PDB file of all heavy atoms in Angstrom:
ATOM      1  N   ASN A   1       1.268  -3.537 -15.663  1.00  0.00           N
ATOM      2  CA  ASN A   1       0.220  -4.403 -15.030  1.00  0.00           C
ATOM      3  C   ASN A   1      -0.126  -3.681 -13.707  1.00  0.00           C
ATOM      4  O   ASN A   1       0.317  -4.121 -12.715  1.00  0.00           O
ATOM      5  CB  ASN A   1       0.801  -5.823 -14.754  1.00  0.00           C
ATOM      6  CG  ASN A   1      -0.259  -6.756 -14.243  1.00  0.00           C
ATOM      7  OD1 ASN A   1      -1.400  -6.335 -13.885  1.00  0.00           O
ATOM      8  ND2 ASN A   1       0.089  -8.019 -14.026  1.00  0.00           N
ATOM      9  N   LEU A   2      -0.977  -2.817 -13.792  1.00  0.00           N
ATOM     10  CA  LEU A   2      -1.411  -1.953 -12.677  1.00  0.00           C
ATOM     11  C   LEU A   2      -1.865  -2.869 -11.434  1.00  0.00           C
ATOM     12  O   LEU A   2      -1.431  -2.550 -10.333  1.00  0.00           O
ATOM     13  CB  LEU A   2      -2.648  -1.012 -13.156  1.00  0.00           C
ATOM     14  CG  LEU A   2      -3.262  -0.068 -12.019  1.00  0.00           C
ATOM     15  CD1 LEU A   2      -2.174   1.002 -11.672  1.00  0.00           C
ATOM     16  CD2 LEU A   2      -4.482   0.477 -12.573  1.00  0.00           C
ATOM     17  N   ALA A   3      -2.615  -3.903 -11.666  1.00  0.00           N
ATOM     18  CA  ALA A   3      -3.105  -4.653 -10.534  1.00  0.00           C
ATOM     19  C   ALA A   3      -1.937  -5.249  -9.791  1.00  0.00           C
ATOM     20  O   ALA A   3      -1.906  -5.280  -8.593  1.00  0.00           O
ATOM     21  CB  ALA A   3      -4.025  -5.755 -11.182  1.00  0.00           C
ATOM     22  N   ARG A   4      -1.097  -5.804 -10.535  1.00  0.00           N
ATOM     23  CA  ARG A   4       0.158  -6.440  -9.916  1.00  0.00           C
ATOM     24  C   ARG A   4       0.937  -5.370  -8.942  1.00  0.00           C
ATOM     25  O   ARG A   4       1.439  -5.610  -7.818  1.00  0.00           O
ATOM     26  CB  ARG A   4       1.068  -7.051 -10.862  1.00  0.00           C
ATOM     27  CG  ARG A   4       2.486  -7.587 -10.316  1.00  0.00           C
ATOM     28  CD  ARG A   4       2.431  -8.590  -9.221  1.00  0.00           C
ATOM     29  NE  ARG A   4       1.452  -9.649  -9.280  1.00  0.00           N
ATOM     30  CZ  ARG A   4       1.058 -10.306  -8.181  1.00  0.00           C
ATOM     31  NH1 ARG A   4       1.302  -9.936  -7.015  1.00  0.00           N
ATOM     32  NH2 ARG A   4       0.070 -11.212  -8.360  1.00  0.00           N
ATOM     33  N   GLU A   5       1.068  -4.216  -9.503  1.00  0.00           N
ATOM     34  CA  GLU A   5       1.782  -3.017  -8.933  1.00  0.00           C
ATOM     35  C   GLU A   5       1.087  -2.726  -7.624  1.00  0.00           C
ATOM     36  O   GLU A   5       1.609  -2.272  -6.585  1.00  0.00           O
ATOM     37  CB  GLU A   5       1.982  -1.942  -9.827  1.00  0.00           C
ATOM     38  CG  GLU A   5       2.859  -2.258 -11.047  1.00  0.00           C
ATOM     39  CD  GLU A   5       4.344  -2.552 -10.665  1.00  0.00           C
ATOM     40  OE1 GLU A   5       4.886  -2.063  -9.731  1.00  0.00           O
ATOM     41  OE2 GLU A   5       4.962  -3.220 -11.486  1.00  0.00           O
ATOM     42  N   VAL A   6      -0.225  -2.600  -7.643  1.00  0.00           N
ATOM     43  CA  VAL A   6      -1.088  -2.238  -6.554  1.00  0.00           C
ATOM     44  C   VAL A   6      -0.943  -3.377  -5.385  1.00  0.00           C
ATOM     45  O   VAL A   6      -0.728  -2.950  -4.332  1.00  0.00           O
ATOM     46  CB  VAL A   6      -2.568  -2.225  -6.998  1.00  0.00           C
ATOM     47  CG1 VAL A   6      -3.463  -2.119  -5.701  1.00  0.00           C
ATOM     48  CG2 VAL A   6      -2.783  -0.947  -7.780  1.00  0.00           C
ATOM     49  N   VAL A   7      -0.971  -4.469  -5.784  1.00  0.00           N
ATOM     50  CA  VAL A   7      -0.631  -5.677  -4.761  1.00  0.00           C
ATOM     51  C   VAL A   7       0.652  -5.406  -4.064  1.00  0.00           C
ATOM     52  O   VAL A   7       0.702  -5.348  -2.908  1.00  0.00           O
ATOM     53  CB  VAL A   7      -0.759  -6.982  -5.375  1.00  0.00           C
ATOM     54  CG1 VAL A   7      -0.343  -7.986  -4.456  1.00  0.00           C
ATOM     55  CG2 VAL A   7      -2.236  -7.360  -5.782  1.00  0.00           C
ATOM     56  N   LEU A   8       1.661  -5.223  -4.776  1.00  0.00           N
ATOM     57  CA  LEU A   8       3.111  -5.015  -4.274  1.00  0.00           C
ATOM     58  C   LEU A   8       3.241  -3.757  -3.426  1.00  0.00           C
ATOM     59  O   LEU A   8       4.044  -3.789  -2.667  1.00  0.00           O
ATOM     60  CB  LEU A   8       4.037  -5.190  -5.385  1.00  0.00           C
ATOM     61  CG  LEU A   8       4.005  -6.536  -6.187  1.00  0.00           C
ATOM     62  CD1 LEU A   8       5.203  -6.338  -7.322  1.00  0.00           C
ATOM     63  CD2 LEU A   8       4.374  -7.695  -5.237  1.00  0.00           C
ATOM     64  N   ALA A   9       2.446  -2.733  -3.796  1.00  0.00           N
ATOM     65  CA  ALA A   9       2.648  -1.423  -3.081  1.00  0.00           C
ATOM     66  C   ALA A   9       1.684  -1.205  -1.974  1.00  0.00           C
ATOM     67  O   ALA A   9       1.836  -0.190  -1.273  1.00  0.00           O
ATOM     68  CB  ALA A   9       2.422  -0.296  -4.219  1.00  0.00           C
ATOM     69  N   THR A  10       0.751  -2.042  -1.740  1.00  0.00           N
ATOM     70  CA  THR A  10      -0.196  -1.795  -0.680  1.00  0.00           C
ATOM     71  C   THR A  10      -0.228  -2.779   0.562  1.00  0.00           C
ATOM     72  O   THR A  10      -1.038  -2.675   1.334  1.00  0.00           O
ATOM     73  CB  THR A  10      -1.637  -1.943  -1.171  1.00  0.00           C
ATOM     74  OG1 THR A  10      -1.902  -3.124  -1.832  1.00  0.00           O
ATOM     75  CG2 THR A  10      -1.855  -0.682  -2.217  1.00  0.00           C
ATOM     76  N   GLY A  11       0.840  -3.601   0.608  1.00  0.00           N
ATOM     77  CA  GLY A  11       0.860  -4.601   1.752  1.00  0.00           C
ATOM     78  C   GLY A  11      -0.108  -5.835   1.671  1.00  0.00           C
ATOM     79  O   GLY A  11      -0.185  -6.539   2.491  1.00  0.00           O
ATOM     80  N   LEU A  12      -0.744  -5.865   0.410  1.00  0.00           N
ATOM     81  CA  LEU A  12      -1.481  -7.156   0.168  1.00  0.00           C
ATOM     82  C   LEU A  12      -0.415  -8.270   0.044  1.00  0.00           C
ATOM     83  O   LEU A  12       0.620  -8.082  -0.364  1.00  0.00           O
ATOM     84  CB  LEU A  12      -2.378  -6.995  -0.946  1.00  0.00           C
ATOM     85  CG  LEU A  12      -3.457  -5.922  -0.902  1.00  0.00           C
ATOM     86  CD1 LEU A  12      -4.247  -5.723  -2.142  1.00  0.00           C
ATOM     87  CD2 LEU A  12      -4.566  -6.362   0.245  1.00  0.00           C
ATOM     88  N   PRO A  13      -0.931  -9.544   0.291  1.00  0.00           N
ATOM     89  CA  PRO A  13       0.101 -10.672   0.035  1.00  0.00           C
ATOM     90  C   PRO A  13       0.543 -10.761  -1.326  1.00  0.00           C
ATOM     91  O   PRO A  13      -0.186 -10.776  -2.235  1.00  0.00           O
ATOM     92  CB  PRO A  13      -0.860 -11.976   0.394  1.00  0.00           C
ATOM     93  CG  PRO A  13      -1.977 -11.473   1.262  1.00  0.00           C
ATOM     94  CD  PRO A  13      -2.265  -9.979   0.744  1.00  0.00           C
ATOM     95  N   PRO A  14       1.910 -10.804  -1.500  1.00  0.00           N
ATOM     96  CA  PRO A  14       2.508 -10.761  -2.787  1.00  0.00           C
ATOM     97  C   PRO A  14       2.042 -12.033  -3.604  1.00  0.00           C
ATOM     98  O   PRO A  14       2.107 -12.008  -4.886  1.00  0.00           O
ATOM     99  CB  PRO A  14       3.953 -10.918  -2.660  1.00  0.00           C
ATOM    100  CG  PRO A  14       4.218 -10.508  -1.183  1.00  0.00           C
ATOM    101  CD  PRO A  14       2.834 -10.753  -0.342  1.00  0.00           C
ATOM    102  N   SER A  15       1.508 -13.040  -3.009  1.00  0.00           N
ATOM    103  CA  SER A  15       1.078 -14.194  -3.804  1.00  0.00           C
ATOM    104  C   SER A  15      -0.328 -14.115  -4.240  1.00  0.00           C
ATOM    105  O   SER A  15      -0.802 -14.850  -5.052  1.00  0.00           O
ATOM    106  CB  SER A  15       1.052 -15.382  -2.680  1.00  0.00           C
ATOM    107  OG  SER A  15       0.196 -15.220  -1.684  1.00  0.00           O
ATOM    108  N   LEU A  16      -0.878 -12.888  -4.016  1.00  0.00           N
ATOM    109  CA  LEU A  16      -2.264 -12.702  -4.469  1.00  0.00           C
ATOM    110  C   LEU A  16      -2.375 -12.595  -6.051  1.00  0.00           C
ATOM    111  O   LEU A  16      -1.619 -11.626  -6.602  1.00  0.00           O
ATOM    112  CB  LEU A  16      -2.838 -11.336  -3.837  1.00  0.00           C
ATOM    113  CG  LEU A  16      -4.262 -10.852  -4.234  1.00  0.00           C
ATOM    114  CD1 LEU A  16      -5.376 -11.820  -3.801  1.00  0.00           C
ATOM    115  CD2 LEU A  16      -4.381  -9.489  -3.689  1.00  0.00           C
ATOM    116  N   PRO A  17      -3.195 -13.331  -6.599  1.00  0.00           N
ATOM    117  CA  PRO A  17      -3.305 -13.227  -8.080  1.00  0.00           C
ATOM    118  C   PRO A  17      -3.851 -11.889  -8.492  1.00  0.00           C
ATOM    119  O   PRO A  17      -4.841 -11.443  -7.946  1.00  0.00           O
ATOM    120  CB  PRO A  17      -4.232 -14.312  -8.485  1.00  0.00           C
ATOM    121  CG  PRO A  17      -4.209 -15.310  -7.335  1.00  0.00           C
ATOM    122  CD  PRO A  17      -3.926 -14.457  -6.087  1.00  0.00           C
ATOM    123  N   ALA A  18      -3.218 -11.244  -9.421  1.00  0.00           N
ATOM    124  CA  ALA A  18      -3.598  -9.870  -9.832  1.00  0.00           C
ATOM    125  C   ALA A  18      -3.365  -9.675 -11.309  1.00  0.00           C
ATOM    126  O   ALA A  18      -2.268  -9.987 -11.687  1.00  0.00           O
ATOM    127  CB  ALA A  18      -2.875  -8.821  -9.037  1.00  0.00           C
ATOM    128  N   TYR A  19      -4.304  -9.045 -12.004  1.00  0.00           N
ATOM    129  CA  TYR A  19      -4.091  -8.804 -13.363  1.00  0.00           C
ATOM    130  C   TYR A  19      -4.889  -7.610 -13.837  1.00  0.00           C
ATOM    131  O   TYR A  19      -5.827  -7.118 -13.141  1.00  0.00           O
ATOM    132  CB  TYR A  19      -4.278  -9.965 -14.391  1.00  0.00           C
ATOM    133  CG  TYR A  19      -5.801 -10.469 -14.338  1.00  0.00           C
ATOM    134  CD1 TYR A  19      -6.681 -10.039 -15.345  1.00  0.00           C
ATOM    135  CD2 TYR A  19      -6.238 -11.458 -13.503  1.00  0.00           C
ATOM    136  CE1 TYR A  19      -8.000 -10.525 -15.416  1.00  0.00           C
ATOM    137  CE2 TYR A  19      -7.474 -11.834 -13.534  1.00  0.00           C
ATOM    138  CZ  TYR A  19      -8.460 -11.423 -14.424  1.00  0.00           C
ATOM    139  OH  TYR A  19      -9.748 -11.740 -14.475  1.00  0.00           O
ATOM    140  N   THR A  20      -4.543  -7.053 -14.936  1.00  0.00           N
ATOM    141  CA  THR A  20      -5.161  -5.743 -15.530  1.00  0.00           C
ATOM    142  C   THR A  20      -5.899  -6.040 -16.877  1.00  0.00           C
ATOM    143  O   THR A  20      -5.382  -6.834 -17.608  1.00  0.00           O
ATOM    144  CB  THR A  20      -4.048  -4.729 -15.711  1.00  0.00           C
ATOM    145  OG1 THR A  20      -3.392  -4.532 -14.427  1.00  0.00           O
ATOM    146  CG2 THR A  20      -4.655  -3.410 -16.128  1.00  0.00           C
ATOM    147  N   VAL A  21      -7.010  -5.453 -17.047  1.00  0.00           N
ATOM    148  CA  VAL A  21      -7.643  -5.622 -18.264  1.00  0.00           C
ATOM    149  C   VAL A  21      -7.823  -4.294 -18.973  1.00  0.00           C
ATOM    150  O   VAL A  21      -7.858  -3.222 -18.203  1.00  0.00           O
ATOM    151  CB  VAL A  21      -9.144  -6.268 -17.996  1.00  0.00           C
ATOM    152  CG1 VAL A  21      -9.037  -7.719 -17.552  1.00  0.00           C
ATOM    153  CG2 VAL A  21      -9.905  -5.518 -17.032  1.00  0.00           C
ATOM    154  N   ASN A  22      -8.149  -4.347 -20.277  1.00  0.00           N
ATOM    155  CA  ASN A  22      -8.296  -3.079 -21.133  1.00  0.00           C
ATOM    156  C   ASN A  22      -9.478  -3.463 -21.936  1.00  0.00           C
ATOM    157  O   ASN A  22      -9.307  -4.219 -22.990  1.00  0.00           O
ATOM    158  CB  ASN A  22      -7.008  -2.860 -21.863  1.00  0.00           C
ATOM    159  CG  ASN A  22      -7.255  -1.582 -22.732  1.00  0.00           C
ATOM    160  OD1 ASN A  22      -8.219  -1.491 -23.343  1.00  0.00           O
ATOM    161  ND2 ASN A  22      -6.283  -0.653 -22.607  1.00  0.00           N
ATOM    162  N   ARG A  23     -10.543  -2.669 -21.778  1.00  0.00           N
ATOM    163  CA  ARG A  23     -11.657  -2.748 -22.676  1.00  0.00           C
ATOM    164  C   ARG A  23     -12.105  -1.356 -22.968  1.00  0.00           C
ATOM    165  O   ARG A  23     -13.382  -1.080 -22.848  1.00  0.00           O
ATOM    166  CB  ARG A  23     -12.921  -3.615 -22.144  1.00  0.00           C
ATOM    167  CG  ARG A  23     -12.457  -5.112 -22.136  1.00  0.00           C
ATOM    168  CD  ARG A  23     -13.678  -5.970 -22.214  1.00  0.00           C
ATOM    169  NE  ARG A  23     -14.604  -5.835 -23.244  1.00  0.00           N
ATOM    170  CZ  ARG A  23     -15.879  -6.243 -23.173  1.00  0.00           C
ATOM    171  NH1 ARG A  23     -16.214  -6.898 -22.090  1.00  0.00           N
ATOM    172  NH2 ARG A  23     -16.607  -6.023 -24.190  1.00  0.00           N
ATOM    173  N   ALA A  24     -11.219  -0.428 -23.339  1.00  0.00           N
ATOM    174  CA  ALA A  24     -11.484   0.955 -23.569  1.00  0.00           C
ATOM    175  C   ALA A  24     -12.280   1.418 -22.405  1.00  0.00           C
ATOM    176  O   ALA A  24     -11.839   1.272 -21.248  1.00  0.00           O
ATOM    177  CB  ALA A  24     -12.213   1.044 -24.832  1.00  0.00           C
ATOM    178  N   CYS A  25     -13.462   2.122 -22.625  1.00  0.00           N
ATOM    179  CA  CYS A  25     -14.153   2.765 -21.580  1.00  0.00           C
ATOM    180  C   CYS A  25     -14.823   1.722 -20.653  1.00  0.00           C
ATOM    181  O   CYS A  25     -15.409   2.202 -19.560  1.00  0.00           O
ATOM    182  CB  CYS A  25     -15.171   3.680 -22.138  1.00  0.00           C
ATOM    183  SG  CYS A  25     -14.487   5.106 -23.063  1.00  0.00           S
ATOM    184  N   ALA A  26     -14.868   0.534 -20.897  1.00  0.00           N
ATOM    185  CA  ALA A  26     -15.603  -0.544 -20.027  1.00  0.00           C
ATOM    186  C   ALA A  26     -14.508  -1.306 -19.231  1.00  0.00           C
ATOM    187  O   ALA A  26     -14.806  -2.390 -18.588  1.00  0.00           O
ATOM    188  CB  ALA A  26     -16.297  -1.488 -20.857  1.00  0.00           C
ATOM    189  N   SER A  27     -13.299  -0.805 -19.075  1.00  0.00           N
ATOM    190  CA  SER A  27     -12.286  -1.562 -18.390  1.00  0.00           C
ATOM    191  C   SER A  27     -12.519  -1.907 -16.927  1.00  0.00           C
ATOM    192  O   SER A  27     -12.420  -3.063 -16.474  1.00  0.00           O
ATOM    193  CB  SER A  27     -10.839  -0.852 -18.510  1.00  0.00           C
ATOM    194  OG  SER A  27     -10.534  -0.754 -19.963  1.00  0.00           O
ATOM    195  N   ALA A  28     -12.966  -0.817 -16.225  1.00  0.00           N
ATOM    196  CA  ALA A  28     -13.262  -1.124 -14.820  1.00  0.00           C
ATOM    197  C   ALA A  28     -14.535  -2.047 -14.628  1.00  0.00           C
ATOM    198  O   ALA A  28     -14.478  -2.884 -13.792  1.00  0.00           O
ATOM    199  CB  ALA A  28     -13.558   0.199 -14.009  1.00  0.00           C
ATOM    200  N   ASN A  29     -15.449  -1.893 -15.498  1.00  0.00           N
ATOM    201  CA  ASN A  29     -16.594  -2.800 -15.583  1.00  0.00           C
ATOM    202  C   ASN A  29     -16.230  -4.231 -15.805  1.00  0.00           C
ATOM    203  O   ASN A  29     -16.724  -5.199 -15.216  1.00  0.00           O
ATOM    204  CB  ASN A  29     -17.687  -2.354 -16.534  1.00  0.00           C
ATOM    205  CG  ASN A  29     -18.299  -1.080 -16.066  1.00  0.00           C
ATOM    206  OD1 ASN A  29     -18.379  -0.621 -14.953  1.00  0.00           O
ATOM    207  ND2 ASN A  29     -18.872  -0.404 -17.080  1.00  0.00           N
ATOM    208  N   GLN A  30     -15.258  -4.482 -16.620  1.00  0.00           N
ATOM    209  CA  GLN A  30     -14.836  -5.711 -17.069  1.00  0.00           C
ATOM    210  C   GLN A  30     -14.015  -6.366 -15.891  1.00  0.00           C
ATOM    211  O   GLN A  30     -14.176  -7.522 -15.552  1.00  0.00           O
ATOM    212  CB  GLN A  30     -13.796  -5.743 -18.241  1.00  0.00           C
ATOM    213  CG  GLN A  30     -13.391  -7.178 -18.592  1.00  0.00           C
ATOM    214  CD  GLN A  30     -14.455  -7.970 -19.121  1.00  0.00           C
ATOM    215  OE1 GLN A  30     -15.213  -7.639 -20.050  1.00  0.00           O
ATOM    216  NE2 GLN A  30     -14.707  -9.148 -18.519  1.00  0.00           N
ATOM    217  N   ALA A  31     -13.326  -5.511 -15.156  1.00  0.00           N
ATOM    218  CA  ALA A  31     -12.629  -5.971 -13.891  1.00  0.00           C
ATOM    219  C   ALA A  31     -13.680  -6.468 -12.839  1.00  0.00           C
ATOM    220  O   ALA A  31     -13.474  -7.568 -12.282  1.00  0.00           O
ATOM    221  CB  ALA A  31     -11.725  -4.833 -13.319  1.00  0.00           C
ATOM    222  N   ILE A  32     -14.785  -5.795 -12.681  1.00  0.00           N
ATOM    223  CA  ILE A  32     -15.883  -6.230 -11.734  1.00  0.00           C
ATOM    224  C   ILE A  32     -16.400  -7.543 -12.233  1.00  0.00           C
ATOM    225  O   ILE A  32     -16.560  -8.402 -11.366  1.00  0.00           O
ATOM    226  CB  ILE A  32     -16.932  -4.991 -11.732  1.00  0.00           C
ATOM    227  CG1 ILE A  32     -16.294  -3.801 -11.043  1.00  0.00           C
ATOM    228  CG2 ILE A  32     -18.216  -5.370 -10.877  1.00  0.00           C
ATOM    229  CD1 ILE A  32     -17.111  -2.503 -11.235  1.00  0.00           C
ATOM    230  N   VAL A  33     -16.658  -7.656 -13.568  1.00  0.00           N
ATOM    231  CA  VAL A  33     -17.316  -8.856 -14.098  1.00  0.00           C
ATOM    232  C   VAL A  33     -16.282  -9.982 -13.911  1.00  0.00           C
ATOM    233  O   VAL A  33     -16.751 -11.071 -13.405  1.00  0.00           O
ATOM    234  CB  VAL A  33     -17.671  -8.746 -15.468  1.00  0.00           C
ATOM    235  CG1 VAL A  33     -17.990 -10.164 -16.098  1.00  0.00           C
ATOM    236  CG2 VAL A  33     -18.868  -7.742 -15.743  1.00  0.00           C
ATOM    237  N   ASP A  34     -15.090  -9.777 -14.025  1.00  0.00           N
ATOM    238  CA  ASP A  34     -14.007 -10.848 -13.904  1.00  0.00           C
ATOM    239  C   ASP A  34     -13.994 -11.499 -12.391  1.00  0.00           C
ATOM    240  O   ASP A  34     -13.991 -12.595 -12.248  1.00  0.00           O
ATOM    241  CB  ASP A  34     -12.716 -10.442 -14.366  1.00  0.00           C
ATOM    242  CG  ASP A  34     -12.406 -10.374 -15.878  1.00  0.00           C
ATOM    243  OD1 ASP A  34     -13.467 -10.569 -16.527  1.00  0.00           O
ATOM    244  OD2 ASP A  34     -11.297 -10.203 -16.274  1.00  0.00           O
TER     245      ASP A  34
END
């Protein structure tokens, strides 16, 4: 879960909701839409 690991490793509040999506080549675009 890349997003959760980023939160925990960057000093963002650990309570920050974070999740990772996979849509092949559109994964980052899906993250933006979400």
